[in-house]
Amino acid sequence: MNTRAVVLAGGLTYEREVSLHSGRRVLDALRHAGVEAVVLDADSQLLGRLAELDPDAAFIALHGSAGEDGALRDVLDLVGVPYVGSTAPACRLAWDKPCAKSALTADGVLTPEGVALPHATFRELGAAAVLERLVARLGLPLMVKPAKGGSAMGAHAVTTVEELPTAMVGCFGYGDTAMIERFIAGTEVAVSVIDGVDGPQALPAVEIVAADGVNDYQARYVAGMSTWHAPARLPGDTAAALAKAALRVHEVLGLRDLSRVDAIVDADGQIYVLEANVAPGMTETSLLPLAVEAAGLDLAAVCRDLVVRAAARR
């Protein structure tokens, strides 16, 4: 009997278009592997369609809050549809960057020094005074990004004091809390983790080289704005340390099935973990499919195995 799956893609977030591209890629991969699959949007028709189709499992290709903050996974648990990916509690932890940062730091994982600043606090205490203290504490350059979000939307690298107010305003356009971190110069990498029969496996790190030096939204999704090296051009011991760090993040945050850990390797070989993604992109320019290929694996088989494993939880 063939496995029947639904791919959840779309949603009503800023990352809808990226999610639709990911969903189509996953759909093609599953069908190529012999899985009977359809794509469903996360809209008012979803629960009715799930009841009608009664799938063995769902593959969540939703990005942004729709697929990463844990809420949809809570609903899938309520209606008894198993899914590929982390549990709702784990998603909530990873989605909240300051909370995830605290959990990782407490476990000894190195992350850039930073501050989480709610918009209300920023406004009530006086923007100019707060920004002055930020620069005095963290120095320049800085990285400003929403505390909850993905695809680098609302993220800005700041090299001068004059750029900081505009970056903060742009960040608050995507969320109520800004995460301001010390900018770490170095090699930007992503390490994908896939759970298999023998436990989680870290795939080869993918190195990202953005045309303008910053891996922002355009660099990630506009053709020609970035180049990638899979595996990353790093010494063997650094690559091994990256794999170990990614597996540790996967474990500390309680992630499951698949994740992507973003990190920076500085000039001294020191690894700084930036964040973890519970619903990695699956588009033609996404990093997890590049890592799968670099590992000598077949994306269709990987997606199929994840769906089969999720279905077994039913």
Foldseek 3Di string as FASTA:
>chain_A
DAAEEEEEAADDAPCRVLRVQLSVLLVVLQVVVVHHYYYDYPDPCVVVVCVVVVGLAYEYSYFFPVRQLLPVQVVCVVVVHFYQKFHSQLSNQQQQQVNLVVLCVVVVAAAFDKDKAFQVNCVVVDVVVVLVVRCVVQNDFKWKAASGHDLQQLIDTRGDSVCVVVSVVSRVVRHRMMIIGRDADAWKWKWKWFQDPVGIFIFAIKTKDAQVRDSHNCSQPPPPRIDIDVRDPDDPVLRVVVRVSVVVSCVSSVMHGMKMWIWGQHPVRDIHTHGMGGNFRNHPRTDVVSRCVSRVHRPSVSSNRSSVVRSVVD
